[in-house]
Protein backbone atom coordinates (compact mmCIF):
# COMPACT_ATOMS: atom_id res chain seq x y z
CA MET A 1 -42.20 37.21 49.62
CA LYS A 2 -43.63 33.74 49.39
CA VAL A 3 -41.21 31.48 47.53
CA LEU A 4 -41.46 27.99 46.20
CA VAL A 5 -38.96 26.05 45.24
CA ILE A 6 -39.59 22.74 43.43
CA GLY A 7 -37.76 19.58 43.73
CA ALA A 8 -36.22 17.41 46.50
CA GLY A 9 -32.47 17.31 45.96
CA GLY A 10 -29.15 18.83 47.63
CA ARG A 11 -29.70 21.88 45.05
CA GLU A 12 -33.03 22.66 46.20
CA HIS A 13 -32.19 22.55 49.81
CA ALA A 14 -29.16 24.87 48.80
CA LEU A 15 -31.86 27.21 47.19
CA ALA A 16 -34.18 27.19 49.85
CA TRP A 17 -31.28 27.61 52.28
CA LYS A 18 -29.89 30.84 50.13
CA LEU A 19 -33.66 31.82 49.85
CA ARG A 20 -34.33 32.30 52.95
CA GLN A 21 -31.58 34.23 53.61
CA SER A 22 -33.18 37.10 51.19
CA PRO A 23 -35.07 40.14 53.33
CA LEU A 24 -37.54 39.53 50.59
CA VAL A 25 -38.61 36.42 51.32
CA GLU A 26 -41.07 36.04 54.41
CA ALA A 27 -41.49 32.01 53.77
CA VAL A 28 -40.00 29.61 51.40
CA TYR A 29 -41.60 26.95 50.63
CA ILE A 30 -40.50 23.29 49.14
CA ALA A 31 -42.37 20.48 46.64
CA PRO A 32 -41.93 17.82 47.60
CA GLY A 33 -38.52 18.98 49.16
CA ASN A 34 -36.27 16.31 51.98
CA PRO A 35 -35.90 16.72 55.35
CA GLY A 36 -33.20 19.15 55.33
CA THR A 37 -35.16 21.12 53.73
CA ALA A 38 -38.09 21.17 56.29
CA LEU A 39 -35.31 22.86 58.52
CA VAL A 40 -35.43 26.19 56.44
CA GLY A 41 -38.93 25.85 55.20
CA ARG A 42 -41.91 23.92 54.91
CA ASN A 43 -41.94 21.01 52.45
CA VAL A 44 -45.34 20.56 50.18
CA PRO A 45 -46.14 16.50 49.34
CA ILE A 46 -46.30 17.59 45.83
CA PRO A 47 -43.78 15.70 43.31
CA ALA A 48 -41.68 17.88 40.79
CA GLU A 49 -43.89 16.75 37.87
CA ASP A 50 -47.09 17.22 38.97
CA ILE A 51 -46.46 20.69 37.07
CA GLU A 52 -50.89 20.99 37.65
CA GLY A 53 -50.71 20.06 41.71
CA LEU A 54 -47.94 22.40 41.87
CA LYS A 55 -49.94 25.59 39.80
CA GLU A 56 -52.90 24.88 41.90
CA PHE A 57 -50.96 25.02 44.91
CA ALA A 58 -48.86 28.36 43.82
CA LYS A 59 -52.18 29.45 43.47
CA ARG A 60 -54.29 29.09 46.36
CA GLU A 61 -51.07 30.22 48.88
CA GLY A 62 -50.57 33.24 47.08
CA VAL A 63 -46.77 32.51 46.26
CA ASP A 64 -44.92 35.32 44.93
CA PHE A 65 -42.05 33.14 43.23
CA THR A 66 -41.58 29.94 42.19
CA VAL A 67 -37.44 28.94 41.63
CA VAL A 68 -37.62 25.15 39.46
CA GLY A 69 -34.42 22.88 40.38
CA PRO A 70 -34.77 20.01 38.20
CA GLU A 71 -34.49 19.96 34.78
CA LEU A 72 -37.62 17.24 34.43
CA PRO A 73 -40.43 20.04 35.47
CA LEU A 74 -38.67 22.46 32.61
CA THR A 75 -39.21 20.51 30.00
CA LEU A 76 -42.68 18.94 30.93
CA GLY A 77 -43.58 23.49 30.58
CA ILE A 78 -44.17 24.29 33.78
CA VAL A 79 -43.16 27.83 32.94
CA ASP A 80 -45.01 28.20 30.08
CA LEU A 81 -48.13 26.76 32.59
CA PHE A 82 -47.18 28.81 35.30
CA GLU A 83 -47.12 32.05 32.93
CA ALA A 84 -50.02 31.84 31.37
CA ALA A 85 -51.69 31.81 35.20
CA GLY A 86 -49.90 35.05 35.74
CA LEU A 87 -47.14 33.48 38.44
CA LYS A 88 -43.79 34.68 38.84
CA ILE A 89 -41.56 31.33 37.83
CA PHE A 90 -38.06 30.88 37.09
CA GLY A 91 -36.10 28.75 34.34
CA PRO A 92 -36.86 28.46 30.67
CA SER A 93 -39.98 27.82 28.68
CA LYS A 94 -40.45 24.01 27.31
CA ALA A 95 -38.79 25.18 24.20
CA ALA A 96 -36.28 26.55 25.61
CA SER A 97 -35.76 23.54 27.88
CA GLU A 98 -34.92 21.40 24.75
CA LEU A 99 -31.18 22.74 24.68
CA GLU A 100 -30.65 20.12 27.61
CA GLY A 101 -33.83 17.59 26.83
CA SER A 102 -32.28 16.45 23.43
CA LYS A 103 -28.77 16.19 22.70
CA VAL A 104 -29.39 15.91 19.50
CA PHE A 105 -31.03 19.51 19.83
CA SER A 106 -28.31 20.83 21.47
CA LYS A 107 -25.64 19.80 19.29
CA ASP A 108 -27.27 21.08 15.74
CA LEU A 109 -28.07 24.42 17.27
CA MET A 110 -24.01 24.73 18.50
CA ILE A 111 -23.00 23.46 14.70
CA ARG A 112 -25.51 26.25 13.04
CA HIS A 113 -24.35 29.10 15.01
CA GLY A 114 -20.91 28.54 15.24
CA ILE A 115 -20.60 27.61 19.49
CA PRO A 116 -17.46 25.06 19.45
CA THR A 117 -17.77 21.96 20.46
CA ALA A 118 -16.79 18.26 19.46
CA HIS A 119 -17.51 16.58 16.29
CA HIS A 120 -20.94 14.47 16.26
CA LYS A 121 -22.92 12.11 14.10
CA LYS A 122 -26.77 11.28 15.27
CA PHE A 123 -28.11 8.02 15.02
CA ASP A 124 -32.07 6.57 15.06
CA ASN A 125 -31.17 3.25 14.26
CA ALA A 126 -28.84 1.07 16.60
CA ASP A 127 -27.05 -0.53 13.43
CA PHE A 128 -26.63 2.38 11.66
CA ALA A 129 -24.48 3.40 14.60
CA ARG A 130 -22.45 0.23 14.81
CA ALA A 131 -21.21 0.43 11.35
CA TYR A 132 -20.06 4.42 11.91
CA VAL A 133 -17.89 3.04 15.36
CA GLU A 134 -16.67 -0.42 13.19
CA THR A 135 -15.38 1.72 10.39
CA HIS A 136 -13.85 4.99 12.56
CA ALA A 137 -10.95 4.82 15.04
CA PRO A 138 -11.83 5.22 19.13
CA PRO A 139 -12.16 7.02 21.29
CA PHE A 140 -16.04 7.64 20.88
CA VAL A 141 -18.19 9.24 23.46
CA VAL A 142 -21.68 8.05 23.07
CA LYS A 143 -24.45 9.40 24.30
CA ALA A 144 -28.49 9.41 25.18
CA ASP A 145 -30.22 12.06 23.11
CA GLY A 146 -33.14 12.21 25.96
CA LEU A 147 -32.90 12.89 29.63
CA ALA A 148 -31.15 10.11 31.71
CA ALA A 149 -30.32 11.79 35.29
CA GLY A 150 -26.41 12.36 34.43
CA LYS A 151 -25.85 9.56 33.59
CA GLY A 152 -26.36 8.62 29.67
CA VAL A 153 -22.97 9.30 28.79
CA VAL A 154 -20.75 6.07 28.33
CA ILE A 155 -16.81 6.83 27.49
CA CYS A 156 -15.75 4.28 25.40
CA MET A 157 -12.06 3.62 24.81
CA THR A 158 -12.44 1.41 22.90
CA ARG A 159 -14.73 0.28 19.64
CA ASP A 160 -16.05 -2.88 21.62
CA GLU A 161 -17.08 -0.81 24.27
CA ALA A 162 -18.89 2.01 22.12
CA LEU A 163 -20.83 -1.28 20.45
CA LYS A 164 -21.46 -2.47 23.74
CA ALA A 165 -22.50 1.08 24.99
CA ILE A 166 -24.25 1.07 21.83
CA ASP A 167 -26.55 -1.97 22.86
CA LEU A 168 -26.90 -1.11 26.22
CA ILE A 169 -28.31 2.65 24.93
CA MET A 170 -30.33 1.42 22.38
CA LYS A 171 -31.70 -2.10 22.24
CA ASP A 172 -31.57 -3.10 25.76
CA LYS A 173 -32.90 0.61 26.78
CA ALA A 174 -31.43 1.44 30.09
CA PHE A 175 -32.23 5.00 29.69
CA GLY A 176 -35.83 4.10 28.25
CA ALA A 177 -37.38 6.49 26.15
CA ALA A 178 -34.10 8.81 25.95
CA GLY A 179 -31.99 6.36 24.18
CA ARG A 180 -34.51 6.52 21.23
CA ARG A 181 -31.42 8.45 19.44
CA ILE A 182 -28.10 8.72 19.91
CA ILE A 183 -25.12 10.77 19.58
CA ILE A 184 -21.63 9.59 18.98
CA GLU A 185 -18.98 12.22 19.34
CA GLU A 186 -15.16 12.40 19.12
CA PHE A 187 -13.53 12.10 22.75
CA LEU A 188 -12.45 15.37 23.70
CA GLU A 189 -9.36 15.33 26.08
CA GLY A 190 -8.37 17.80 28.96
CA GLU A 191 -10.25 19.04 31.77
CA GLU A 192 -13.89 19.37 32.92
CA ALA A 193 -15.93 22.21 34.13
CA SER A 194 -18.68 23.91 34.80
CA PHE A 195 -19.71 27.53 33.76
CA LEU A 196 -23.10 28.56 34.64
CA ALA A 197 -24.82 31.86 34.10
CA VAL A 198 -28.19 34.18 34.75
CA THR A 199 -29.98 35.35 31.77
CA ASP A 200 -32.60 37.63 31.12
CA GLY A 201 -32.77 36.28 27.49
CA ARG A 202 -30.39 39.60 26.92
CA THR A 203 -28.33 40.05 29.81
CA VAL A 204 -25.97 37.25 30.99
CA VAL A 205 -24.61 37.15 34.11
CA PRO A 206 -22.11 34.19 34.95
CA LEU A 207 -21.80 32.59 38.77
CA ALA A 208 -19.01 31.60 40.20
CA PRO A 209 -16.83 28.93 38.18
CA ALA A 210 -16.70 25.22 39.32
CA GLN A 211 -15.65 21.96 38.96
CA ASP A 212 -17.87 18.78 39.28
CA HIS A 213 -16.50 15.18 39.76
CA LYS A 214 -18.25 12.98 37.53
CA ALA A 215 -16.66 9.77 38.02
CA VAL A 216 -18.07 7.22 41.03
CA PHE A 217 -13.79 6.19 41.83
CA ASP A 218 -11.36 8.53 43.06
CA LYS A 219 -8.62 9.44 39.90
CA ASP A 220 -12.15 9.85 37.64
CA LEU A 221 -12.35 6.18 37.74
CA GLY A 222 -15.59 3.73 37.10
CA PRO A 223 -18.65 4.78 36.26
CA ASN A 224 -20.22 8.35 35.68
CA THR A 225 -22.29 9.37 38.00
CA GLY A 226 -24.57 12.45 38.80
CA GLY A 227 -21.85 13.72 40.25
CA MET A 228 -19.69 13.04 43.52
CA GLY A 229 -18.59 16.67 44.51
CA ALA A 230 -17.43 19.64 43.20
CA TYR A 231 -15.44 23.00 44.37
CA SER A 232 -15.29 26.55 43.49
CA PRO A 233 -13.81 28.37 42.44
CA ALA A 234 -12.30 26.46 39.68
CA PRO A 235 -8.98 27.56 38.65
CA VAL A 236 -8.79 26.06 35.73
CA ILE A 237 -11.32 28.61 34.17
CA THR A 238 -9.30 31.54 34.57
CA LEU A 239 -10.08 34.99 33.76
CA ALA A 240 -8.86 35.01 30.39
CA ILE A 241 -10.87 31.59 29.91
CA GLU A 242 -14.06 33.16 31.18
CA ALA A 243 -14.28 35.87 29.05
CA GLU A 244 -13.62 33.74 26.08
CA VAL A 245 -16.20 31.53 26.71
CA MET A 246 -18.72 34.13 27.44
CA ASN A 247 -17.69 35.59 23.81
CA THR A 248 -18.16 32.13 22.17
CA VAL A 249 -20.28 30.07 23.88
CA MET A 250 -22.73 31.68 26.61
CA VAL A 251 -24.06 34.94 24.94
CA PRO A 252 -23.76 33.54 21.39
CA THR A 253 -26.29 30.07 23.01
CA VAL A 254 -28.59 33.11 24.09
CA LYS A 255 -28.55 34.54 20.67
CA ALA A 256 -28.55 31.89 18.84
CA MET A 257 -31.91 30.29 21.19
CA GLU A 258 -33.77 33.73 20.59
CA VAL A 259 -32.98 33.86 17.04
CA GLU A 260 -34.32 30.37 16.81
CA GLY A 261 -37.78 31.79 17.80
CA ARG A 262 -37.28 30.15 21.42
CA PRO A 263 -36.34 32.70 23.82
CA TYR A 264 -34.11 31.70 26.86
CA LYS A 265 -34.58 32.55 30.51
CA GLY A 266 -33.17 30.96 33.54
CA VAL A 267 -29.94 29.50 34.17
CA LEU A 268 -27.76 28.30 31.38
CA TYR A 269 -25.40 25.62 32.21
CA ALA A 270 -21.98 24.83 30.11
CA GLY A 271 -19.83 21.53 30.67
CA LEU A 272 -17.11 22.46 29.38
CA MET A 273 -13.89 20.60 28.16
CA ILE A 274 -10.86 23.01 28.84
CA LYS A 275 -7.35 22.18 26.80
CA ASP A 276 -4.58 24.21 25.70
CA GLY A 277 -6.60 27.91 27.12
CA HIS A 278 -9.43 27.30 25.14
CA ALA A 279 -13.30 25.97 25.87
CA LYS A 280 -15.49 23.78 24.39
CA VAL A 281 -19.07 22.55 24.69
CA LEU A 282 -19.73 18.78 26.05
CA GLU A 283 -23.30 19.50 27.13
CA PHE A 284 -25.64 22.19 28.13
CA ASN A 285 -28.13 21.58 30.93
CA CYS A 286 -31.34 24.47 31.45
CA ARG A 287 -30.53 24.70 35.32
CA LEU A 288 -28.14 25.04 38.20
CA GLY A 289 -26.21 21.66 38.11
CA ASP A 290 -26.40 19.60 41.21
CA PRO A 291 -23.59 19.46 43.43
CA GLU A 292 -21.63 22.82 41.95
CA THR A 293 -25.15 24.53 43.44
CA GLN A 294 -24.15 23.54 46.82
CA PRO A 295 -20.58 25.56 46.40
CA ILE A 296 -21.81 28.25 44.47
CA LEU A 297 -24.31 29.26 46.64
CA ALA A 298 -21.99 28.99 49.91
CA ARG A 299 -19.86 32.02 48.20
CA LEU A 300 -22.23 33.73 47.04
CA GLU A 301 -22.97 37.19 49.15
CA SER A 302 -25.54 38.61 46.90
CA ASP A 303 -29.09 38.57 47.36
CA LEU A 304 -30.13 35.62 45.40
CA ALA A 305 -34.05 36.25 45.50
CA ASP A 306 -32.96 39.52 44.45
CA ALA A 307 -31.11 38.51 41.53
CA LEU A 308 -33.45 35.45 40.13
CA LEU A 309 -36.96 37.87 40.47
CA LYS A 310 -34.49 40.64 38.36
CA ALA A 311 -33.96 38.11 36.12
CA VAL A 312 -37.39 37.15 35.21
CA GLU A 313 -38.50 40.85 35.30
CA GLY A 314 -36.02 41.39 32.28
CA ARG A 315 -33.45 43.36 34.74
CA LEU A 316 -31.02 41.30 35.33
CA SER A 317 -28.87 44.83 34.01
CA GLU A 318 -29.29 45.75 37.16
CA VAL A 319 -27.63 43.04 39.23
CA ARG A 320 -24.00 42.96 40.01
CA LEU A 321 -23.11 39.83 42.31
CA LYS A 322 -20.46 39.44 44.97
CA TRP A 323 -18.45 36.47 45.71
CA SER A 324 -16.96 35.55 48.77
CA LYS A 325 -12.81 34.41 48.26
CA LYS A 326 -13.35 31.99 50.45
CA THR A 327 -12.90 28.54 48.61
CA ALA A 328 -16.02 26.37 48.70
CA VAL A 329 -15.82 22.33 48.77
CA CYS A 330 -18.48 19.74 49.02
CA VAL A 331 -18.64 16.11 48.94
CA VAL A 332 -21.49 13.80 47.95
CA MET A 333 -21.66 10.91 50.25
CA THR A 334 -23.65 8.00 48.16
CA ALA A 335 -25.68 4.96 49.26
CA LYS A 336 -23.41 1.00 49.04
CA GLY A 337 -23.94 0.25 45.19
CA TYR A 338 -24.75 3.73 43.57
CA PRO A 339 -24.84 4.61 40.63
CA GLY A 340 -26.39 1.52 39.77
CA GLU A 341 -28.86 -0.02 41.98
CA TYR A 342 -28.48 0.68 45.68
CA LEU A 343 -29.50 0.02 49.28
CA LYS A 344 -32.10 2.48 50.70
CA GLY A 345 -33.20 2.62 54.32
CA SER A 346 -29.97 2.71 56.13
CA GLU A 347 -29.95 5.55 59.15
CA ILE A 348 -28.16 8.45 58.99
CA LYS A 349 -25.10 8.86 62.11
CA GLY A 350 -23.64 12.15 62.94
CA LEU A 351 -25.89 14.60 61.28
CA ASP A 352 -26.31 16.88 64.31
CA GLU A 353 -22.39 16.34 64.94
CA ALA A 354 -21.20 17.58 61.36
CA ALA A 355 -23.91 20.40 61.19
CA ARG A 356 -22.16 22.00 64.39
CA LEU A 357 -18.92 21.99 62.31
CA ARG A 358 -18.11 25.53 61.91
CA ASP A 359 -17.94 26.89 58.28
CA VAL A 360 -20.15 23.74 57.25
CA VAL A 361 -23.66 23.11 56.16
CA VAL A 362 -25.11 19.70 55.23
CA PHE A 363 -27.08 19.53 52.28
CA HIS A 364 -30.15 16.58 52.24
CA ALA A 365 -30.25 14.75 48.47
CA GLY A 366 -31.69 11.31 49.02
CA THR A 367 -32.69 11.08 52.28
CA THR A 368 -36.27 10.47 53.98
CA ILE A 369 -38.05 10.29 57.72
CA LYS A 370 -38.51 6.62 58.54
CA ASP A 371 -40.19 5.89 62.83
CA GLY A 372 -38.41 9.86 63.35
CA LYS A 373 -35.47 8.66 61.93
CA VAL A 374 -33.37 10.22 58.55
CA VAL A 375 -32.70 7.31 56.35
CA THR A 376 -31.15 6.83 52.84
CA SER A 377 -33.38 6.79 50.07
CA GLY A 378 -31.36 7.85 47.05
CA GLY A 379 -28.38 7.34 45.52
CA ARG A 380 -26.84 10.73 45.95
CA VAL A 381 -27.83 11.23 49.55
CA LEU A 382 -25.46 13.83 51.24
CA GLY A 383 -23.62 16.85 49.96
CA VAL A 384 -21.20 18.01 52.89
CA THR A 385 -20.22 21.35 52.06
CA ALA A 386 -17.37 23.89 53.84
CA LEU A 387 -16.27 27.26 53.39
CA GLY A 388 -12.19 27.72 53.92
CA ASP A 389 -9.72 30.07 53.24
CA GLY A 390 -8.34 28.36 49.90
CA VAL A 391 -9.34 24.92 49.14
CA LYS A 392 -7.08 22.54 51.29
CA ASP A 393 -8.57 24.35 53.99
CA ALA A 394 -12.37 23.96 52.82
CA ARG A 395 -11.48 20.54 51.85
CA ASP A 396 -10.37 19.51 55.39
CA LYS A 397 -13.23 20.66 57.07
CA ALA A 398 -15.78 19.07 54.23
CA TYR A 399 -14.15 15.75 55.21
CA GLU A 400 -14.06 16.52 59.07
CA ALA A 401 -17.52 16.74 58.96
CA VAL A 402 -18.11 13.59 56.29
CA ASN A 403 -16.38 11.58 58.89
CA LYS A 404 -18.47 12.22 61.63
CA ILE A 405 -21.30 10.94 59.03
CA ALA A 406 -22.32 7.24 59.01
CA TRP A 407 -24.32 4.78 57.52
CA GLU A 408 -24.23 1.27 56.48
CA GLY A 409 -22.86 1.38 52.85
CA ALA A 410 -22.18 4.94 52.64
CA HIS A 411 -19.20 5.95 49.81
CA TYR A 412 -17.92 8.80 48.69
CA ARG A 413 -15.06 10.15 46.73
CA LYS A 414 -11.26 11.09 48.61
CA ASP A 415 -10.17 13.35 46.35
CA ILE A 416 -12.59 16.48 45.90
CA GLY A 417 -10.75 19.11 45.03
CA ASN A 418 -7.52 17.74 44.55
CA LYS A 419 -7.15 19.18 40.85
CA ALA A 420 -6.69 22.75 42.35
CA PHE A 421 -3.16 22.11 44.92
CA GLY A 422 -0.89 24.13 43.46
CA ARG A 423 -2.68 26.16 41.26
């Protein structure tokens, strides 16, 4: 089977790496890919948003199955386009992808169907939003409605911070059209975790739980990013909480989308806030998380290609996923300045040394080739991932690898996985 993976980040490198291990897969194409994906398949220079170009490539090359990594092509309707051309593709339709593409739609859906989430108000007028903040007590969470690369959420502990966030999103247009509407919601206390599942629209199969680290600095300080690291399993998600989330969030959401005329197939990702043994939804994503995918797939012992193909064919009830008992930790290394304006073109040294370490995989994200050398090209550059006997062992292996890699201004958090200690 020829498989096409769409995207260019660490998540797509991990997908291509895992799919290539399947006995069902004879070739993997990655569009557009990166220097890391070139090690496990053939890169194709077609941007992820060029959905027509991707369709034509899939038809021309006889691609049997396509897996979409990032959210943008999903919201552009790549699944609808491929299916209309008779091509098998894993991911939700354009209508279903609005669950991630619009936070207003997502919140309204949760309220309509009784899915636990924070109280919120929505605004398409900055003055009305400011008036709301002036008459309510902080803290607030201000969110851009549309896609903002994981950075459209601002946690505001004071009223002044909330007013600045409103201006940033709606007046300064920091996230472009994504900020035409905003949500202001209550600040939920607790511990965040990521809960991902695969669904064919009827059956919902959970993936191993993971915990992301959003803030750019240690101890969850600084601005939010697309993710600075993750580990799996996440002890904060106990068996009892997993059962509750399946019964109150995941299955009801898939059923709600069916009721709303937007049948949902693909990955359903719930960002959760957990407190006192109960979970509320912070947001939904319609694809695998990044960097959660890296440690989750590092622990997956089942055939990923078989599972995703069965989901597309409506046979997910036949799938029983098997997971390694080991822990996986992914440490994201970023370019100088990220998540703001960042430095590009710095030569990355030590990749071969890190890759030679046992139980370590270095997933490329924001890298490219220049003059025959691997250099930085994005904000999040690498996802250094390791398997170990428990979180400490995995964490030690990951940081051993990180310490062998260097470039000008490289940054990474030094506390990935610490929340799991003592649990």
